[in-house]
Amino acid sequence: MNKPNFFLISGGPGVGKTTLLEELRRRGERVVEETHRRIIREGRAESGSLRLGTLAAREDIARFEAMGEVQERVFFDRGVVDSLTPQAPRWMWAAAKRLRYNDLVFTPPPWPEIYTQDEERRQTFEDCLATHETMRRQLLDLGYTPVTVPPASVEARAAFVLEVTASLGFGA
C-alpha cells in the first residue's frame, strides 16, 4: 500500500517531532499522534524495549491500514519504520516494506538547545545522536529519502514542511 500523501516525521528522541506536529495541527493539518510515548505512559512497555517496538508497530500498522482510503495530506509523528531494530520480528520488517509513506521523510536533527529528558525520554543527548543516525540509515535502506528540517522556530519548521509537501502537489 503506497500512500504518497502520508508524510512521516521521524528521527531520534527529543528532536522536536511532536512539537512540529502540534504546530501543523494548529494550522489545520491532519496529524496522527505518536504511539511510542503513549505506550510508555500507559505502563505497557519500557523505553527501548522490544515489547515497546512490537506494541507500537501493531498500532501503527493498524492506523495506516485503517486510513488507506484517505486522500488528503496527513502527517505522522513516527510510524511503522520507527519500531524497527535488527532484532525486530520478520513481520515488522515486511509491514515496513509493504506500507509505504511518501518517499520523503522529514527528519528534524538532534538539537541540544531543545533536547530535554523526562519520565518517558530517559536517553542522553548522545543516545539521541546515535538513534538519529541509525534511523536515517534505516530510512535509506528502506528506500526513503530523509529530508533534514532546519533548526529554527517551530513556526519556521512547520512552514518548511508545508512548503516541501506543497511543492510535491500535496496541500496548498
N, C-alpha and C. Protein backbone atom coordinates (compact mmCIF):
# COMPACT_ATOMS: atom_id res chain seq x y z
N MET A 1 0.85 -1.16 0.00
CA MET A 1 0.00 0.00 0.00
C MET A 1 0.91 1.23 0.00
N ASN A 2 0.90 1.95 -1.08
CA ASN A 2 1.74 3.13 -1.24
C ASN A 2 0.88 4.38 -1.06
N LYS A 3 1.21 5.20 -0.05
CA LYS A 3 0.42 6.39 0.26
C LYS A 3 1.32 7.63 0.18
N PRO A 4 1.51 8.19 -1.01
CA PRO A 4 2.38 9.37 -1.13
C PRO A 4 1.84 10.61 -0.42
N ASN A 5 0.59 10.60 0.00
CA ASN A 5 0.01 11.71 0.76
C ASN A 5 0.23 11.57 2.26
N PHE A 6 0.87 10.47 2.68
CA PHE A 6 1.19 10.25 4.09
C PHE A 6 2.65 10.67 4.31
N PHE A 7 2.85 11.68 5.12
CA PHE A 7 4.19 12.21 5.37
C PHE A 7 4.63 11.84 6.78
N LEU A 8 5.77 11.18 6.85
CA LEU A 8 6.32 10.72 8.11
C LEU A 8 7.32 11.73 8.64
N ILE A 9 7.22 12.00 9.94
CA ILE A 9 8.22 12.80 10.64
C ILE A 9 8.88 11.85 11.61
N SER A 10 10.17 11.60 11.38
CA SER A 10 10.87 10.53 12.07
C SER A 10 12.21 11.03 12.59
N GLY A 11 12.86 10.19 13.37
CA GLY A 11 14.20 10.53 13.86
C GLY A 11 14.35 10.18 15.32
N GLY A 12 15.46 10.62 15.87
CA GLY A 12 15.79 10.31 17.25
C GLY A 12 14.85 10.97 18.24
N PRO A 13 15.01 10.60 19.51
CA PRO A 13 14.16 11.18 20.55
C PRO A 13 14.52 12.64 20.82
N GLY A 14 13.51 13.44 21.14
CA GLY A 14 13.76 14.81 21.58
C GLY A 14 14.21 15.78 20.51
N VAL A 15 13.93 15.48 19.24
CA VAL A 15 14.36 16.39 18.17
C VAL A 15 13.28 17.38 17.77
N GLY A 16 12.14 17.32 18.44
CA GLY A 16 11.06 18.28 18.17
C GLY A 16 9.97 17.78 17.25
N LYS A 17 9.89 16.46 17.07
CA LYS A 17 8.87 15.91 16.17
C LYS A 17 7.46 16.25 16.64
N THR A 18 7.18 15.99 17.90
CA THR A 18 5.83 16.20 18.43
C THR A 18 5.47 17.69 18.44
N THR A 19 6.41 18.54 18.79
CA THR A 19 6.16 19.98 18.78
C THR A 19 5.84 20.45 17.36
N LEU A 20 6.58 19.94 16.40
CA LEU A 20 6.33 20.27 15.00
C LEU A 20 4.94 19.80 14.58
N LEU A 21 4.58 18.57 14.95
CA LEU A 21 3.25 18.05 14.61
C LEU A 21 2.14 18.86 15.26
N GLU A 22 2.36 19.30 16.48
CA GLU A 22 1.36 20.14 17.16
C GLU A 22 1.16 21.45 16.42
N GLU A 23 2.24 22.02 15.89
CA GLU A 23 2.13 23.26 15.10
C GLU A 23 1.40 22.99 13.79
N LEU A 24 1.68 21.87 13.16
CA LEU A 24 0.96 21.53 11.92
C LEU A 24 -0.53 21.36 12.21
N ARG A 25 -0.86 20.72 13.32
CA ARG A 25 -2.26 20.56 13.70
C ARG A 25 -2.91 21.93 13.94
N ARG A 26 -2.20 22.80 14.62
CA ARG A 26 -2.71 24.15 14.90
C ARG A 26 -3.03 24.88 13.58
N ARG A 27 -2.29 24.57 12.54
CA ARG A 27 -2.51 25.18 11.23
C ARG A 27 -3.59 24.48 10.42
N GLY A 28 -4.25 23.50 11.02
CA GLY A 28 -5.36 22.83 10.36
C GLY A 28 -5.00 21.56 9.62
N GLU A 29 -3.79 21.08 9.78
CA GLU A 29 -3.37 19.86 9.10
C GLU A 29 -3.85 18.63 9.86
N ARG A 30 -4.02 17.55 9.12
CA ARG A 30 -4.39 16.27 9.72
C ARG A 30 -3.11 15.61 10.25
N VAL A 31 -3.14 15.23 11.52
CA VAL A 31 -1.96 14.71 12.20
C VAL A 31 -2.31 13.40 12.92
N VAL A 32 -1.39 12.44 12.86
CA VAL A 32 -1.53 11.18 13.58
C VAL A 32 -0.47 11.17 14.68
N GLU A 33 -0.92 11.05 15.91
CA GLU A 33 -0.02 11.14 17.06
C GLU A 33 0.86 9.91 17.20
N GLU A 34 1.99 10.10 17.88
CA GLU A 34 2.95 9.04 18.15
C GLU A 34 2.37 8.00 19.10
N THR A 35 2.68 6.74 18.85
CA THR A 35 2.22 5.67 19.72
C THR A 35 3.22 5.35 20.83
N HIS A 36 4.51 5.49 20.55
CA HIS A 36 5.55 5.06 21.49
C HIS A 36 5.40 5.69 22.88
N ARG A 37 5.34 7.02 22.94
CA ARG A 37 5.29 7.69 24.24
C ARG A 37 4.00 7.34 24.99
N ARG A 38 2.89 7.20 24.28
CA ARG A 38 1.63 6.82 24.93
C ARG A 38 1.74 5.44 25.57
N ILE A 39 2.34 4.49 24.85
CA ILE A 39 2.50 3.13 25.37
C ILE A 39 3.37 3.15 26.63
N ILE A 40 4.44 3.94 26.61
CA ILE A 40 5.29 4.07 27.80
C ILE A 40 4.50 4.70 28.95
N ARG A 41 3.78 5.77 28.66
CA ARG A 41 2.97 6.47 29.66
C ARG A 41 1.94 5.54 30.29
N GLU A 42 1.35 4.68 29.48
CA GLU A 42 0.35 3.73 29.97
C GLU A 42 0.97 2.57 30.75
N GLY A 43 2.29 2.50 30.77
CA GLY A 43 2.98 1.46 31.52
C GLY A 43 2.97 0.09 30.86
N ARG A 44 2.70 0.06 29.56
CA ARG A 44 2.63 -1.23 28.87
C ARG A 44 3.99 -1.72 28.40
N ALA A 45 5.00 -0.84 28.35
CA ALA A 45 6.35 -1.25 27.92
C ALA A 45 7.35 -0.18 28.33
N GLU A 46 8.60 -0.59 28.47
CA GLU A 46 9.70 0.31 28.82
C GLU A 46 10.31 0.90 27.55
N SER A 47 10.82 2.11 27.66
CA SER A 47 11.52 2.76 26.56
C SER A 47 12.66 1.87 26.07
N GLY A 48 12.76 1.71 24.76
CA GLY A 48 13.85 0.94 24.17
C GLY A 48 13.65 -0.56 24.15
N SER A 49 12.54 -1.05 24.69
CA SER A 49 12.34 -2.50 24.74
C SER A 49 11.75 -3.03 23.44
N LEU A 50 12.01 -4.29 23.19
CA LEU A 50 11.42 -4.94 22.02
C LEU A 50 9.90 -4.96 22.14
N ARG A 51 9.39 -5.11 23.37
CA ARG A 51 7.94 -5.10 23.59
C ARG A 51 7.35 -3.76 23.15
N LEU A 52 8.01 -2.65 23.47
CA LEU A 52 7.53 -1.33 23.04
C LEU A 52 7.46 -1.28 21.53
N GLY A 53 8.52 -1.71 20.86
CA GLY A 53 8.53 -1.70 19.39
C GLY A 53 7.42 -2.54 18.80
N THR A 54 7.18 -3.71 19.39
CA THR A 54 6.14 -4.61 18.88
C THR A 54 4.75 -4.00 19.07
N LEU A 55 4.48 -3.48 20.26
CA LEU A 55 3.17 -2.86 20.52
C LEU A 55 2.95 -1.65 19.61
N ALA A 56 3.97 -0.80 19.50
CA ALA A 56 3.85 0.39 18.66
C ALA A 56 3.67 0.01 17.19
N ALA A 57 4.43 -0.98 16.73
CA ALA A 57 4.31 -1.41 15.34
C ALA A 57 2.90 -1.91 15.04
N ARG A 58 2.34 -2.72 15.94
CA ARG A 58 0.98 -3.23 15.72
C ARG A 58 -0.02 -2.08 15.60
N GLU A 59 0.08 -1.10 16.48
CA GLU A 59 -0.83 0.05 16.43
C GLU A 59 -0.59 0.89 15.18
N ASP A 60 0.68 1.13 14.85
CA ASP A 60 0.98 1.95 13.67
C ASP A 60 0.52 1.28 12.38
N ILE A 61 0.66 -0.03 12.31
CA ILE A 61 0.19 -0.77 11.14
C ILE A 61 -1.33 -0.65 11.03
N ALA A 62 -2.03 -0.85 12.14
CA ALA A 62 -3.49 -0.77 12.14
C ALA A 62 -3.96 0.63 11.74
N ARG A 63 -3.31 1.65 12.25
CA ARG A 63 -3.68 3.03 11.89
C ARG A 63 -3.48 3.29 10.40
N PHE A 64 -2.32 2.88 9.90
CA PHE A 64 -2.00 3.10 8.49
C PHE A 64 -3.06 2.42 7.62
N GLU A 65 -3.32 1.16 7.90
CA GLU A 65 -4.28 0.40 7.09
C GLU A 65 -5.69 0.98 7.20
N ALA A 66 -6.08 1.42 8.39
CA ALA A 66 -7.41 1.99 8.58
C ALA A 66 -7.59 3.29 7.79
N MET A 67 -6.49 3.96 7.51
CA MET A 67 -6.56 5.23 6.79
C MET A 67 -6.28 5.07 5.29
N GLY A 68 -6.31 3.85 4.80
CA GLY A 68 -5.97 3.56 3.42
C GLY A 68 -6.72 4.37 2.38
N GLU A 69 -7.95 4.75 2.66
CA GLU A 69 -8.75 5.49 1.69
C GLU A 69 -8.57 7.01 1.79
N VAL A 70 -7.86 7.48 2.78
CA VAL A 70 -7.66 8.92 2.97
C VAL A 70 -6.83 9.47 1.82
N GLN A 71 -7.32 10.55 1.21
CA GLN A 71 -6.63 11.16 0.07
C GLN A 71 -5.95 12.49 0.42
N GLU A 72 -6.31 13.06 1.55
CA GLU A 72 -5.71 14.34 1.93
C GLU A 72 -4.31 14.14 2.48
N ARG A 73 -3.57 15.22 2.62
CA ARG A 73 -2.23 15.19 3.21
C ARG A 73 -2.35 14.89 4.69
N VAL A 74 -1.55 13.92 5.16
CA VAL A 74 -1.56 13.52 6.57
C VAL A 74 -0.11 13.46 7.05
N PHE A 75 0.11 13.97 8.27
CA PHE A 75 1.43 13.95 8.87
C PHE A 75 1.43 12.98 10.05
N PHE A 76 2.44 12.11 10.09
CA PHE A 76 2.55 11.08 11.12
C PHE A 76 3.73 11.40 12.04
N ASP A 77 3.47 11.40 13.34
CA ASP A 77 4.51 11.54 14.35
C ASP A 77 5.05 10.14 14.60
N ARG A 78 6.10 9.78 13.89
CA ARG A 78 6.67 8.44 13.84
C ARG A 78 5.70 7.50 13.12
N GLY A 79 6.18 6.32 12.81
CA GLY A 79 5.34 5.37 12.10
C GLY A 79 5.92 3.97 12.16
N VAL A 80 5.47 3.13 11.25
CA VAL A 80 5.83 1.72 11.24
C VAL A 80 7.35 1.56 11.25
N VAL A 81 8.07 2.36 10.48
CA VAL A 81 9.53 2.21 10.37
C VAL A 81 10.25 2.56 11.67
N ASP A 82 9.63 3.34 12.54
CA ASP A 82 10.29 3.78 13.77
C ASP A 82 10.40 2.68 14.82
N SER A 83 9.73 1.58 14.64
CA SER A 83 9.78 0.48 15.60
C SER A 83 10.81 -0.58 15.22
N LEU A 84 11.40 -0.44 14.06
CA LEU A 84 12.31 -1.47 13.57
C LEU A 84 13.66 -1.43 14.27
N THR A 85 14.16 -2.61 14.56
CA THR A 85 15.51 -2.81 15.05
C THR A 85 16.03 -4.06 14.36
N PRO A 86 17.33 -4.30 14.40
CA PRO A 86 17.82 -5.56 13.79
C PRO A 86 17.17 -6.80 14.41
N GLN A 87 16.71 -6.70 15.67
CA GLN A 87 16.09 -7.84 16.34
C GLN A 87 14.58 -7.92 16.10
N ALA A 88 14.02 -6.96 15.41
CA ALA A 88 12.56 -6.94 15.19
C ALA A 88 12.12 -8.18 14.42
N PRO A 89 10.94 -8.69 14.75
CA PRO A 89 10.43 -9.86 14.03
C PRO A 89 10.27 -9.58 12.53
N ARG A 90 10.35 -10.65 11.78
CA ARG A 90 10.25 -10.55 10.32
C ARG A 90 8.96 -9.85 9.87
N TRP A 91 7.83 -10.07 10.57
CA TRP A 91 6.56 -9.47 10.17
C TRP A 91 6.61 -7.94 10.24
N MET A 92 7.40 -7.40 11.19
CA MET A 92 7.53 -5.94 11.29
C MET A 92 8.27 -5.38 10.07
N TRP A 93 9.34 -6.04 9.69
CA TRP A 93 10.10 -5.62 8.51
C TRP A 93 9.23 -5.72 7.25
N ALA A 94 8.46 -6.79 7.15
CA ALA A 94 7.58 -6.97 5.99
C ALA A 94 6.54 -5.85 5.94
N ALA A 95 5.98 -5.48 7.09
CA ALA A 95 4.99 -4.41 7.13
C ALA A 95 5.62 -3.08 6.73
N ALA A 96 6.83 -2.82 7.18
CA ALA A 96 7.50 -1.56 6.83
C ALA A 96 7.77 -1.46 5.33
N LYS A 97 7.98 -2.59 4.70
CA LYS A 97 8.22 -2.59 3.25
C LYS A 97 6.91 -2.52 2.47
N ARG A 98 5.83 -3.02 3.06
CA ARG A 98 4.53 -3.06 2.38
C ARG A 98 3.76 -1.75 2.53
N LEU A 99 3.84 -1.12 3.69
CA LEU A 99 3.09 0.10 3.98
C LEU A 99 4.01 1.30 3.78
N ARG A 100 3.87 1.96 2.66
CA ARG A 100 4.81 3.00 2.26
C ARG A 100 4.24 4.40 2.44
N TYR A 101 5.00 5.21 3.16
CA TYR A 101 4.71 6.64 3.27
C TYR A 101 5.29 7.32 2.04
N ASN A 102 5.13 8.64 1.95
CA ASN A 102 5.79 9.39 0.90
C ASN A 102 7.29 9.08 0.97
N ASP A 103 7.94 9.08 -0.19
CA ASP A 103 9.37 8.77 -0.23
C ASP A 103 10.22 9.75 0.58
N LEU A 104 9.75 10.99 0.70
CA LEU A 104 10.46 11.98 1.50
C LEU A 104 10.01 11.86 2.95
N VAL A 105 10.96 11.67 3.86
CA VAL A 105 10.65 11.56 5.28
C VAL A 105 11.36 12.71 5.99
N PHE A 106 10.60 13.50 6.73
CA PHE A 106 11.16 14.64 7.44
C PHE A 106 11.86 14.17 8.70
N THR A 107 13.13 14.56 8.85
CA THR A 107 13.93 14.14 9.99
C THR A 107 14.55 15.37 10.66
N PRO A 108 13.87 15.93 11.66
CA PRO A 108 14.50 17.03 12.39
C PRO A 108 15.78 16.53 13.05
N PRO A 109 16.86 17.30 12.98
CA PRO A 109 18.13 16.83 13.54
C PRO A 109 18.19 17.00 15.06
N PRO A 110 19.05 16.23 15.71
CA PRO A 110 19.28 16.46 17.14
C PRO A 110 19.75 17.91 17.35
N TRP A 111 19.18 18.53 18.33
CA TRP A 111 19.41 19.95 18.55
C TRP A 111 19.55 20.16 20.05
N PRO A 112 20.76 20.37 20.55
CA PRO A 112 20.96 20.43 22.00
C PRO A 112 20.13 21.51 22.70
N GLU A 113 19.84 22.59 22.01
CA GLU A 113 19.08 23.68 22.62
C GLU A 113 17.65 23.29 22.98
N ILE A 114 17.10 22.29 22.31
CA ILE A 114 15.71 21.91 22.62
C ILE A 114 15.61 20.54 23.28
N TYR A 115 16.71 19.81 23.37
CA TYR A 115 16.66 18.45 23.90
C TYR A 115 16.41 18.46 25.41
N THR A 116 15.43 17.66 25.84
CA THR A 116 15.17 17.50 27.27
C THR A 116 14.88 16.03 27.56
N GLN A 117 15.18 15.63 28.77
CA GLN A 117 14.82 14.30 29.23
C GLN A 117 13.59 14.43 30.12
N ASP A 118 12.80 13.36 30.19
CA ASP A 118 11.63 13.33 31.07
C ASP A 118 11.36 11.88 31.46
N GLU A 119 10.21 11.64 32.07
CA GLU A 119 9.89 10.29 32.55
C GLU A 119 9.83 9.26 31.41
N GLU A 120 9.44 9.70 30.22
CA GLU A 120 9.31 8.79 29.09
C GLU A 120 10.55 8.80 28.20
N ARG A 121 11.31 9.89 28.24
CA ARG A 121 12.51 10.02 27.42
C ARG A 121 13.71 10.11 28.36
N ARG A 122 14.34 8.98 28.56
CA ARG A 122 15.46 8.93 29.51
C ARG A 122 16.81 8.91 28.82
N GLN A 123 16.81 8.86 27.48
CA GLN A 123 18.06 8.79 26.74
C GLN A 123 18.86 10.10 26.91
N THR A 124 20.18 9.95 26.90
CA THR A 124 21.05 11.13 26.91
C THR A 124 21.05 11.76 25.52
N PHE A 125 21.61 12.95 25.43
CA PHE A 125 21.71 13.59 24.11
C PHE A 125 22.59 12.75 23.18
N GLU A 126 23.63 12.12 23.72
CA GLU A 126 24.49 11.26 22.91
C GLU A 126 23.70 10.07 22.37
N ASP A 127 22.81 9.52 23.20
CA ASP A 127 21.92 8.44 22.73
C ASP A 127 21.04 8.95 21.59
N CYS A 128 20.55 10.17 21.74
CA CYS A 128 19.71 10.78 20.71
C CYS A 128 20.47 10.86 19.38
N LEU A 129 21.73 11.31 19.43
CA LEU A 129 22.54 11.42 18.22
C LEU A 129 22.69 10.06 17.54
N ALA A 130 23.01 9.03 18.34
CA ALA A 130 23.20 7.69 17.79
C ALA A 130 21.89 7.15 17.19
N THR A 131 20.79 7.32 17.91
CA THR A 131 19.50 6.84 17.42
C THR A 131 19.11 7.55 16.13
N HIS A 132 19.34 8.85 16.09
CA HIS A 132 19.00 9.62 14.91
C HIS A 132 19.77 9.11 13.68
N GLU A 133 21.05 8.86 13.83
CA GLU A 133 21.84 8.37 12.70
C GLU A 133 21.39 6.97 12.28
N THR A 134 21.09 6.13 13.25
CA THR A 134 20.59 4.79 12.94
C THR A 134 19.28 4.88 12.16
N MET A 135 18.38 5.77 12.60
CA MET A 135 17.09 5.94 11.92
C MET A 135 17.29 6.42 10.49
N ARG A 136 18.17 7.39 10.28
CA ARG A 136 18.42 7.91 8.92
C ARG A 136 18.96 6.80 8.01
N ARG A 137 19.90 6.01 8.51
CA ARG A 137 20.44 4.91 7.70
C ARG A 137 19.35 3.89 7.38
N GLN A 138 18.52 3.60 8.36
CA GLN A 138 17.43 2.64 8.16
C GLN A 138 16.44 3.16 7.13
N LEU A 139 16.12 4.44 7.18
CA LEU A 139 15.22 5.03 6.18
C LEU A 139 15.81 4.87 4.78
N LEU A 140 17.09 5.15 4.65
CA LEU A 140 17.76 4.98 3.35
C LEU A 140 17.69 3.53 2.89
N ASP A 141 17.95 2.60 3.81
CA ASP A 141 17.90 1.17 3.48
C ASP A 141 16.51 0.75 3.01
N LEU A 142 15.48 1.41 3.52
CA LEU A 142 14.10 1.09 3.13
C LEU A 142 13.64 1.86 1.90
N GLY A 143 14.55 2.64 1.30
CA GLY A 143 14.22 3.34 0.07
C GLY A 143 13.62 4.72 0.26
N TYR A 144 13.69 5.26 1.46
CA TYR A 144 13.18 6.60 1.71
C TYR A 144 14.31 7.63 1.56
N THR A 145 13.93 8.87 1.37
CA THR A 145 14.88 9.97 1.31
C THR A 145 14.67 10.86 2.52
N PRO A 146 15.58 10.83 3.49
CA PRO A 146 15.43 11.72 4.65
C PRO A 146 15.64 13.18 4.24
N VAL A 147 14.76 14.03 4.73
CA VAL A 147 14.85 15.47 4.49
C VAL A 147 15.06 16.14 5.84
N THR A 148 16.20 16.79 6.00
CA THR A 148 16.50 17.46 7.27
C THR A 148 15.65 18.71 7.40
N VAL A 149 14.95 18.81 8.51
CA VAL A 149 14.17 20.01 8.83
C VAL A 149 15.13 20.97 9.52
N PRO A 150 15.36 22.15 8.94
CA PRO A 150 16.35 23.05 9.52
C PRO A 150 15.99 23.47 10.95
N PRO A 151 17.01 23.51 11.84
CA PRO A 151 16.75 24.02 13.19
C PRO A 151 16.31 25.48 13.11
N ALA A 152 15.16 25.75 13.64
CA ALA A 152 14.59 27.10 13.60
C ALA A 152 13.40 27.11 14.54
N SER A 153 12.67 28.19 14.56
CA SER A 153 11.45 28.24 15.37
C SER A 153 10.48 27.17 14.87
N VAL A 154 9.57 26.76 15.72
CA VAL A 154 8.60 25.75 15.32
C VAL A 154 7.76 26.25 14.14
N GLU A 155 7.48 27.54 14.12
CA GLU A 155 6.71 28.11 13.01
C GLU A 155 7.47 27.98 11.69
N ALA A 156 8.78 28.25 11.73
CA ALA A 156 9.60 28.14 10.53
C ALA A 156 9.75 26.69 10.09
N ARG A 157 9.87 25.78 11.05
CA ARG A 157 9.97 24.36 10.70
C ARG A 157 8.68 23.88 10.04
N ALA A 158 7.54 24.29 10.60
CA ALA A 158 6.26 23.90 10.01
C ALA A 158 6.11 24.49 8.61
N ALA A 159 6.51 25.73 8.44
CA ALA A 159 6.44 26.36 7.12
C ALA A 159 7.30 25.60 6.11
N PHE A 160 8.48 25.15 6.53
CA PHE A 160 9.36 24.38 5.66
C PHE A 160 8.68 23.09 5.22
N VAL A 161 8.12 22.35 6.18
CA VAL A 161 7.47 21.07 5.88
C VAL A 161 6.29 21.29 4.92
N LEU A 162 5.49 22.30 5.18
CA LEU A 162 4.33 22.58 4.32
C LEU A 162 4.76 23.01 2.92
N GLU A 163 5.84 23.77 2.84
CA GLU A 163 6.34 24.20 1.53
C GLU A 163 6.84 23.01 0.72
N VAL A 164 7.58 22.11 1.36
CA VAL A 164 8.09 20.93 0.65
C VAL A 164 6.94 20.05 0.18
N THR A 165 5.97 19.78 1.04
CA THR A 165 4.87 18.91 0.64
C THR A 165 4.00 19.56 -0.43
N ALA A 166 3.82 20.88 -0.35
CA ALA A 166 3.06 21.59 -1.39
C ALA A 166 3.79 21.52 -2.73
N SER A 167 5.12 21.58 -2.71
CA SER A 167 5.89 21.51 -3.95
C SER A 167 5.73 20.15 -4.64
N LEU A 168 5.32 19.15 -3.87
CA LEU A 168 5.07 17.81 -4.41
C LEU A 168 3.63 17.63 -4.87
N GLY A 169 2.80 18.68 -4.69
CA GLY A 169 1.41 18.62 -5.11
C GLY A 169 0.44 18.22 -4.01
N PHE A 170 0.91 18.22 -2.76
CA PHE A 170 0.05 17.86 -1.63
C PHE A 170 -0.18 19.09 -0.76
N GLY A 171 -1.41 19.53 -0.70
CA GLY A 171 -1.75 20.70 0.11
C GLY A 171 -1.69 21.97 -0.71
N ALA A 172 -1.86 23.08 0.01
CA ALA A 172 -1.93 24.39 -0.65
C ALA A 172 -0.60 24.82 -1.21
